[in-house]
């Protein structure tokens, strides 16, 4: 999800403004999802 959102941002001179805004929203959602996942794993008890 994160990588897919970076392509339109990298091509921002060639894509319409709406696509760029949508990519930024998807990128923000990916960052929130990743941080929530890492947070949950940090508070879970370790199992070996």
Foldseek 3Di string as FASTA:
>chain_A
DLVVLVVCVVVVVPDDPVSVVVSVVVNVVVVVVVVVVVVVVVPDDDDD
